[in-house]
Amino acid sequence: MIQRNGRRRAALLIAATAVSSMVVSGCGDSSGGGSGDGGKSIAVSLITKNSTNPFFVAMQNGAKKAAEAEGVKLTVAAGKEDGDEAGQVQAIENAIARGDDGILITPTGPGVNPAIKKARDAGLYVIALDTPPDPADTVDITFATDNFKAGELIGKWTAAQLAGKPATIALLDLFNDKIVSVDYNRDQGFLTGMGIDTADKKKNGDEAKTGSYSGGTYTIACNEPTNGAEDGGRTAMENCLTKNPDINVVYTINEPAAVGAHKALQAAGKTQGVLIVSVDGGCDGVRQVKDGVIGATSQQYPLKMAELGVQAIKKIANDGEKPKVSDGLDFFDTGVALVTDKTATGVESITSTEGTQRCWG
């Protein structure tokens, strides 16, 4: 059993009193149902940022499939939208009240950190997926893409495609009102890949607005938030074009934001000669690469994250060994591949056809 069980029982008595209606509705088969291998019944909560982004839908589906295969009872919850910290906190409270063995969470911001600590103090093993919290030891371990590397790959590709031309860059980030590791790591990785010096590695928007990249000169036209959504990407791109109509490089935090940015460029009649790069690698995003809308995207593997998370919590709950981080990192790296149909010398990539074979959503 997880070592913190003593503290967990005490915490559950308090939580059960406060939210008894949630316990009744959430317990299901609480009589010991079995784990599929003769062990105890294992209960896990998956808490994603939202249930609309294809990335998180794929993660939920991957967790459900893994839970069925492992005989694990899975509860799925999500914030209403990216940034809904209160919704995630409530889902964590519910998991504690149910007496779950562990939580898998894509933390939407630092506001969920105290609730994660409460869950761990209550004896739950907490694994972050996709988005490492800050600090990393807020959770027991994170299974994620190396988001800095994902950004770096699309940055190197962009610099190579420009072939020395001046770069006028729009940076379409996630937030401007909270600091999240996936946000600054992808942004800073992209700039580093371009050969642009960054300042604070955990802050977007503090680099020099003009200077030199690895192939020529650059101007950063804007840093705009998108909330990781298509409508946010479109609004952000519209704002950027107002600031500088000559943008020819668009970095986007994810593919929904990239689609929104492309629609804004279309409406402004400015799609020609503009490179859009992104991170995700979902099936729709790979199609956008094939169709030439997105020049290159760094492909992630959310199903793998979810599968590893479910398996890890089951193993730990049955007195198994805890997972370890990848060498040189403070998380377990689930891999990344650059998807593009325009190769760049010195930048390893796969084609959109290969990306289709690996994509999700």
Protein backbone atom coordinates (compact mmCIF):
# COMPACT_ATOMS: atom_id res chain seq x y z
CA MET A 1 0.00 0.00 0.00
CA ILE A 2 1.07 3.64 -0.38
CA GLN A 3 3.13 4.58 2.65
CA ARG A 4 1.03 7.61 3.57
CA ASN A 5 -2.07 5.51 4.35
CA GLY A 6 -2.19 6.45 8.03
CA ARG A 7 -2.48 10.16 7.30
CA ARG A 8 -4.80 9.35 4.43
CA ARG A 9 -7.42 7.61 6.60
CA ALA A 10 -7.54 10.57 8.97
CA ALA A 11 -7.91 13.02 6.11
CA LEU A 12 -10.64 10.92 4.51
CA LEU A 13 -12.75 10.99 7.67
CA ILE A 14 -12.71 14.78 7.55
CA ALA A 15 -13.30 14.94 3.81
CA ALA A 16 -16.12 12.38 3.91
CA THR A 17 -17.97 14.44 6.49
CA ALA A 18 -17.66 17.59 4.39
CA VAL A 19 -18.62 16.08 1.02
CA SER A 20 -20.60 12.95 1.80
CA SER A 21 -22.92 13.42 -1.18
CA MET A 22 -19.91 13.28 -3.51
CA VAL A 23 -18.68 10.09 -1.88
CA VAL A 24 -22.02 8.37 -2.31
CA SER A 25 -22.35 9.37 -5.95
CA GLY A 26 -18.71 8.74 -6.79
CA CYS A 27 -17.94 5.45 -5.12
CA GLY A 28 -19.62 3.02 -7.51
CA ASP A 29 -18.34 -0.45 -6.63
CA SER A 30 -16.75 0.26 -3.26
CA SER A 31 -17.02 -3.33 -2.06
CA GLY A 32 -13.60 -4.31 -3.27
CA GLY A 33 -14.33 -5.16 -6.91
CA GLY A 34 -10.84 -6.38 -7.78
CA SER A 35 -8.08 -5.04 -9.89
CA GLY A 36 -8.17 -7.67 -12.56
CA ASP A 37 -5.16 -9.51 -11.10
CA GLY A 38 -6.48 -10.59 -7.72
CA GLY A 39 -5.19 -7.47 -5.91
CA LYS A 40 -7.09 -4.65 -4.24
CA SER A 41 -9.42 -2.38 -6.20
CA ILE A 42 -7.45 0.63 -7.41
CA ALA A 43 -9.12 4.00 -8.00
CA VAL A 44 -7.54 6.80 -10.03
CA SER A 45 -8.74 10.27 -11.01
CA LEU A 46 -7.65 11.90 -14.27
CA ILE A 47 -8.03 15.69 -14.15
CA THR A 48 -7.33 17.49 -17.44
CA LYS A 49 -7.33 21.22 -18.23
CA ASN A 50 -10.53 20.87 -20.27
CA SER A 51 -12.55 18.30 -22.18
CA THR A 52 -12.65 20.05 -25.56
CA ASN A 53 -9.03 20.32 -26.73
CA PRO A 54 -8.31 17.19 -28.83
CA PHE A 55 -5.10 16.67 -26.85
CA PHE A 56 -6.99 16.24 -23.59
CA VAL A 57 -9.77 14.23 -25.22
CA ALA A 58 -7.10 11.83 -26.48
CA MET A 59 -5.52 11.72 -23.02
CA GLN A 60 -8.88 10.87 -21.46
CA ASN A 61 -9.48 8.12 -24.01
CA GLY A 62 -5.99 6.73 -23.43
CA ALA A 63 -6.55 6.66 -19.68
CA LYS A 64 -9.90 4.91 -20.08
CA LYS A 65 -8.35 2.25 -22.30
CA ALA A 66 -5.46 1.72 -19.89
CA ALA A 67 -7.79 1.60 -16.87
CA GLU A 68 -9.91 -1.07 -18.54
CA ALA A 69 -6.84 -3.13 -19.40
CA GLU A 70 -5.43 -2.79 -15.88
CA GLY A 71 -8.70 -3.30 -14.01
CA VAL A 72 -8.47 0.19 -12.52
CA LYS A 73 -11.51 2.29 -11.59
CA LEU A 74 -11.11 5.63 -13.35
CA THR A 75 -12.89 8.93 -12.67
CA VAL A 76 -12.44 11.63 -15.34
CA ALA A 77 -12.77 15.32 -14.50
CA ALA A 78 -11.68 18.58 -16.14
CA GLY A 79 -11.73 22.32 -15.82
CA LYS A 80 -14.30 24.21 -17.84
CA GLU A 81 -11.51 25.76 -19.89
CA ASP A 82 -7.74 26.08 -19.91
CA GLY A 83 -6.90 28.19 -16.84
CA ASP A 84 -9.84 27.01 -14.70
CA GLU A 85 -7.84 26.40 -11.52
CA ALA A 86 -10.95 26.34 -9.31
CA GLY A 87 -12.47 23.50 -11.34
CA GLN A 88 -9.31 21.42 -10.99
CA VAL A 89 -9.08 22.14 -7.26
CA GLN A 90 -12.66 20.88 -6.79
CA ALA A 91 -11.83 17.71 -8.73
CA ILE A 92 -8.81 17.12 -6.46
CA GLU A 93 -11.01 17.59 -3.37
CA ASN A 94 -13.46 15.06 -4.81
CA ALA A 95 -10.66 12.53 -5.37
CA ILE A 96 -9.55 12.89 -1.75
CA ALA A 97 -13.11 12.46 -0.54
CA ARG A 98 -13.62 9.31 -2.61
CA GLY A 99 -10.47 7.76 -1.21
CA ASP A 100 -8.78 7.42 -4.58
CA ASP A 101 -5.33 5.85 -4.67
CA GLY A 102 -3.90 8.46 -7.00
CA ILE A 103 -4.44 11.43 -9.26
CA LEU A 104 -3.25 12.11 -12.80
CA ILE A 105 -3.43 15.83 -13.55
CA THR A 106 -2.49 18.31 -16.25
CA PRO A 107 -2.12 21.28 -13.89
CA THR A 108 -3.61 24.43 -15.35
CA GLY A 109 -1.66 26.85 -13.18
CA PRO A 110 0.07 27.40 -9.84
CA GLY A 111 -3.27 27.89 -8.10
CA VAL A 112 -3.75 24.11 -7.97
CA ASN A 113 -0.46 23.47 -6.12
CA PRO A 114 -1.90 23.73 -2.57
CA ALA A 115 -4.66 21.24 -3.45
CA ILE A 116 -2.06 18.83 -4.87
CA LYS A 117 -0.11 19.08 -1.62
CA LYS A 118 -3.29 18.35 0.32
CA ALA A 119 -3.90 15.24 -1.80
CA ARG A 120 -0.35 13.99 -1.26
CA ASP A 121 -0.61 14.66 2.48
CA ALA A 122 -3.79 12.56 2.44
CA GLY A 123 -1.84 9.66 0.96
CA LEU A 124 -2.66 9.95 -2.73
CA TYR A 125 0.14 9.53 -5.26
CA VAL A 126 -0.05 12.46 -7.69
CA ILE A 127 1.38 12.35 -11.22
CA ALA A 128 1.37 15.35 -13.53
CA LEU A 129 0.85 14.72 -17.25
CA ASP A 130 2.00 17.01 -20.06
CA THR A 131 2.59 20.08 -17.85
CA PRO A 132 5.27 19.85 -15.16
CA PRO A 133 4.29 22.04 -12.20
CA ASP A 134 6.65 24.63 -10.79
CA PRO A 135 8.40 23.52 -8.67
CA ALA A 136 8.66 20.03 -10.16
CA ASP A 137 8.45 18.31 -6.77
CA THR A 138 4.91 19.66 -6.27
CA VAL A 139 3.91 16.24 -7.63
CA ASP A 140 5.47 12.82 -7.14
CA ILE A 141 6.55 12.68 -10.81
CA THR A 142 5.60 14.11 -14.21
CA PHE A 143 5.14 12.19 -17.47
CA ALA A 144 5.51 14.75 -20.25
CA THR A 145 6.98 15.87 -23.53
CA ASP A 146 10.24 17.74 -23.22
CA ASN A 147 8.45 21.00 -23.99
CA PHE A 148 11.65 23.02 -24.33
CA LYS A 149 12.91 20.53 -26.91
CA ALA A 150 9.55 20.63 -28.70
CA GLY A 151 9.88 24.40 -29.04
CA GLU A 152 13.54 24.16 -29.97
CA LEU A 153 12.78 21.79 -32.85
CA ILE A 154 10.27 24.13 -34.48
CA GLY A 155 12.64 27.06 -33.87
CA LYS A 156 15.56 25.36 -35.62
CA TRP A 157 13.29 24.36 -38.50
CA THR A 158 12.00 27.92 -38.86
CA ALA A 159 15.48 29.42 -38.91
CA ALA A 160 16.53 26.97 -41.60
CA GLN A 161 13.46 27.70 -43.74
CA LEU A 162 14.03 31.46 -43.58
CA ALA A 163 17.51 30.96 -45.07
CA GLY A 164 18.78 34.31 -43.84
CA LYS A 165 15.67 36.39 -44.51
CA PRO A 166 14.64 38.90 -41.82
CA ALA A 167 12.17 37.36 -39.37
CA THR A 168 9.21 39.34 -38.07
CA ILE A 169 7.83 37.10 -35.35
CA ALA A 170 4.46 36.74 -33.63
CA LEU A 171 4.61 34.71 -30.41
CA LEU A 172 1.16 33.33 -29.60
CA ASP A 173 1.54 32.01 -26.07
CA LEU A 174 -0.83 30.39 -23.59
CA PHE A 175 -1.42 33.00 -20.86
CA ASN A 176 -0.41 36.49 -19.85
CA ASP A 177 -1.93 36.34 -16.35
CA LYS A 178 -0.23 33.21 -14.95
CA ILE A 179 3.07 31.39 -15.30
CA VAL A 180 2.88 27.77 -16.50
CA SER A 181 5.90 25.66 -17.42
CA VAL A 182 4.48 24.35 -20.70
CA ASP A 183 3.98 27.97 -21.78
CA TYR A 184 7.42 29.37 -21.11
CA ASN A 185 9.30 26.19 -22.04
CA ARG A 186 7.81 26.01 -25.54
CA ASP A 187 8.18 29.74 -26.15
CA GLN A 188 11.76 29.88 -24.84
CA GLY A 189 12.66 26.66 -26.65
CA PHE A 190 11.41 28.14 -29.93
CA LEU A 191 13.47 31.30 -29.51
CA THR A 192 16.53 29.28 -28.53
CA GLY A 193 16.08 27.10 -31.61
CA MET A 194 15.93 30.25 -33.71
CA GLY A 195 19.23 31.34 -32.20
CA ILE A 196 17.68 34.25 -30.30
CA ASP A 197 19.05 35.04 -26.85
CA THR A 198 16.50 34.79 -24.04
CA ALA A 199 16.66 36.39 -20.60
CA ASP A 200 14.67 34.74 -17.79
CA LYS A 201 14.09 31.11 -18.85
CA LYS A 202 10.79 31.09 -16.95
CA LYS A 203 9.36 34.28 -18.39
CA ASN A 204 7.92 35.11 -21.79
CA GLY A 205 8.40 38.45 -23.46
CA ASP A 206 11.56 39.77 -21.78
CA GLU A 207 14.01 39.13 -24.64
CA ALA A 208 15.28 41.92 -26.87
CA LYS A 209 12.62 42.86 -29.41
CA THR A 210 15.15 43.23 -32.20
CA GLY A 211 18.49 41.62 -32.90
CA SER A 212 20.00 38.69 -34.74
CA TYR A 213 18.89 35.06 -35.04
CA SER A 214 21.09 32.27 -36.38
CA GLY A 215 20.48 33.28 -40.00
CA GLY A 216 19.79 37.00 -40.02
CA THR A 217 17.93 39.75 -38.20
CA TYR A 218 14.69 39.48 -36.27
CA THR A 219 11.90 41.63 -34.87
CA ILE A 220 9.46 40.31 -32.27
CA ALA A 221 6.17 41.97 -33.11
CA CYS A 222 4.12 40.66 -30.19
CA ASN A 223 3.59 38.21 -27.34
CA GLU A 224 -0.16 37.54 -27.15
CA PRO A 225 -2.15 35.03 -25.05
CA THR A 226 -4.44 32.50 -26.75
CA ASN A 227 -5.65 30.34 -23.83
CA GLY A 228 -4.71 27.44 -26.10
CA ALA A 229 -7.94 27.84 -28.08
CA GLU A 230 -8.81 28.53 -31.73
CA ASP A 231 -10.75 31.71 -31.01
CA GLY A 232 -7.93 32.89 -28.76
CA GLY A 233 -5.43 32.22 -31.54
CA ARG A 234 -7.48 34.22 -34.01
CA THR A 235 -7.86 37.21 -31.67
CA ALA A 236 -4.16 37.09 -30.76
CA MET A 237 -3.14 37.06 -34.42
CA GLU A 238 -5.48 39.96 -35.21
CA ASN A 239 -3.88 41.96 -32.41
CA CYS A 240 -0.41 41.12 -33.68
CA LEU A 241 -1.22 42.20 -37.24
CA THR A 242 -2.47 45.51 -35.88
CA LYS A 243 0.94 46.01 -34.24
CA ASN A 244 2.92 44.88 -37.28
CA PRO A 245 1.33 43.84 -40.60
CA ASP A 246 4.60 42.42 -41.93
CA ILE A 247 4.73 39.30 -39.72
CA ASN A 248 6.23 36.31 -41.55
CA VAL A 249 6.79 33.87 -38.64
CA VAL A 250 4.03 32.74 -36.27
CA TYR A 251 4.87 30.58 -33.25
CA THR A 252 1.81 29.07 -31.55
CA ILE A 253 1.56 27.28 -28.21
CA ASN A 254 -0.62 24.55 -29.76
CA GLU A 255 -2.48 23.57 -32.91
CA PRO A 256 -5.93 25.00 -32.04
CA ALA A 257 -4.22 28.38 -31.62
CA ALA A 258 -2.42 27.81 -34.94
CA VAL A 259 -5.72 27.20 -36.75
CA GLY A 260 -7.13 30.41 -35.29
CA ALA A 261 -4.02 32.34 -36.33
CA HIS A 262 -4.29 31.01 -39.89
CA LYS A 263 -7.92 32.15 -40.10
CA ALA A 264 -6.91 35.65 -39.01
CA LEU A 265 -4.16 35.70 -41.63
CA GLN A 266 -6.62 34.49 -44.27
CA ALA A 267 -9.10 37.22 -43.38
CA ALA A 268 -6.31 39.80 -43.67
CA GLY A 269 -5.10 38.35 -46.98
CA LYS A 270 -1.66 37.63 -45.54
CA THR A 271 -1.13 33.86 -45.71
CA GLN A 272 1.50 33.96 -48.45
CA GLY A 273 5.07 33.77 -47.20
CA VAL A 274 4.10 33.27 -43.55
CA LEU A 275 5.53 30.30 -41.61
CA ILE A 276 3.25 28.93 -38.87
CA VAL A 277 4.78 26.47 -36.42
CA SER A 278 3.22 24.73 -33.46
CA VAL A 279 3.28 21.93 -30.90
CA ASP A 280 0.82 19.02 -30.48
CA GLY A 281 0.88 16.53 -33.36
CA GLY A 282 -2.79 15.58 -33.23
CA CYS A 283 -4.36 14.09 -36.33
CA ASP A 284 -5.99 17.38 -37.32
CA GLY A 285 -2.70 19.21 -36.81
CA VAL A 286 -0.84 16.71 -38.96
CA ARG A 287 -3.46 17.25 -41.68
CA GLN A 288 -2.77 20.97 -41.38
CA VAL A 289 0.90 20.19 -42.01
CA LYS A 290 0.01 18.07 -45.03
CA ASP A 291 -2.21 20.86 -46.38
CA GLY A 292 0.51 23.47 -45.87
CA VAL A 293 -1.34 25.47 -43.20
CA ILE A 294 1.20 24.60 -40.49
CA GLY A 295 4.79 24.35 -41.68
CA ALA A 296 5.99 22.12 -38.86
CA THR A 297 4.66 20.83 -35.55
CA SER A 298 6.28 18.98 -32.67
CA GLN A 299 4.29 15.82 -32.02
CA GLN A 300 3.46 14.76 -28.45
CA TYR A 301 2.08 11.46 -27.20
CA PRO A 302 -0.76 12.04 -24.68
CA LEU A 303 -2.02 8.45 -24.84
CA LYS A 304 1.40 7.25 -23.69
CA MET A 305 1.38 9.76 -20.83
CA ALA A 306 -2.04 8.56 -19.66
CA GLU A 307 -1.20 4.86 -20.03
CA LEU A 308 2.04 5.20 -18.08
CA GLY A 309 0.25 7.18 -15.38
CA VAL A 310 -2.49 4.61 -14.82
CA GLN A 311 0.02 1.77 -14.76
CA ALA A 312 2.30 3.61 -12.32
CA ILE A 313 -0.40 4.36 -9.76
CA LYS A 314 -1.67 0.78 -9.87
CA LYS A 315 1.84 -0.54 -9.33
CA ILE A 316 2.54 1.81 -6.42
CA ALA A 317 -0.81 1.08 -4.76
CA ASN A 318 0.08 -2.62 -4.87
CA ASP A 319 3.42 -1.96 -3.12
CA GLY A 320 5.32 -1.64 -6.39
CA GLU A 321 8.30 0.52 -7.24
CA LYS A 322 7.78 4.21 -7.94
CA PRO A 323 8.74 5.46 -11.44
CA LYS A 324 11.95 7.43 -11.95
CA VAL A 325 12.63 10.56 -13.98
CA SER A 326 14.62 10.46 -17.22
CA ASP A 327 18.36 11.03 -17.00
CA GLY A 328 19.24 14.71 -16.68
CA LEU A 329 15.60 15.82 -16.36
CA ASP A 330 13.18 16.41 -13.51
CA PHE A 331 10.38 14.51 -15.31
CA PHE A 332 9.89 11.31 -17.34
CA ASP A 333 10.25 12.18 -21.02
CA THR A 334 7.52 10.61 -23.19
CA GLY A 335 9.14 11.69 -26.45
CA VAL A 336 8.67 14.22 -29.24
CA ALA A 337 9.06 14.19 -33.04
CA LEU A 338 9.07 17.08 -35.51
CA VAL A 339 6.43 16.60 -38.22
CA THR A 340 7.00 18.44 -41.50
CA ASP A 341 7.03 17.84 -45.23
CA LYS A 342 9.79 20.41 -45.75
CA THR A 343 12.96 18.97 -44.30
CA ALA A 344 15.73 21.15 -42.88
CA THR A 345 19.41 20.22 -42.80
CA GLY A 346 20.47 19.22 -39.31
CA VAL A 347 16.93 19.00 -37.94
CA GLU A 348 15.59 15.47 -37.49
CA SER A 349 11.96 15.11 -38.59
CA ILE A 350 9.25 12.76 -39.81
CA THR A 351 6.82 13.35 -42.68
CA SER A 352 3.12 14.07 -42.33
CA THR A 353 2.48 10.52 -43.56
CA GLU A 354 4.56 9.15 -40.69
CA GLY A 355 2.96 11.65 -38.33
CA THR A 356 -0.49 10.37 -39.35
CA GLN A 357 0.51 6.87 -38.29
CA ARG A 358 1.41 8.14 -34.82
CA CYS A 359 -1.19 10.87 -34.30
CA TRP A 360 -4.16 10.99 -31.95
CA GLY A 361 -7.51 12.70 -31.87
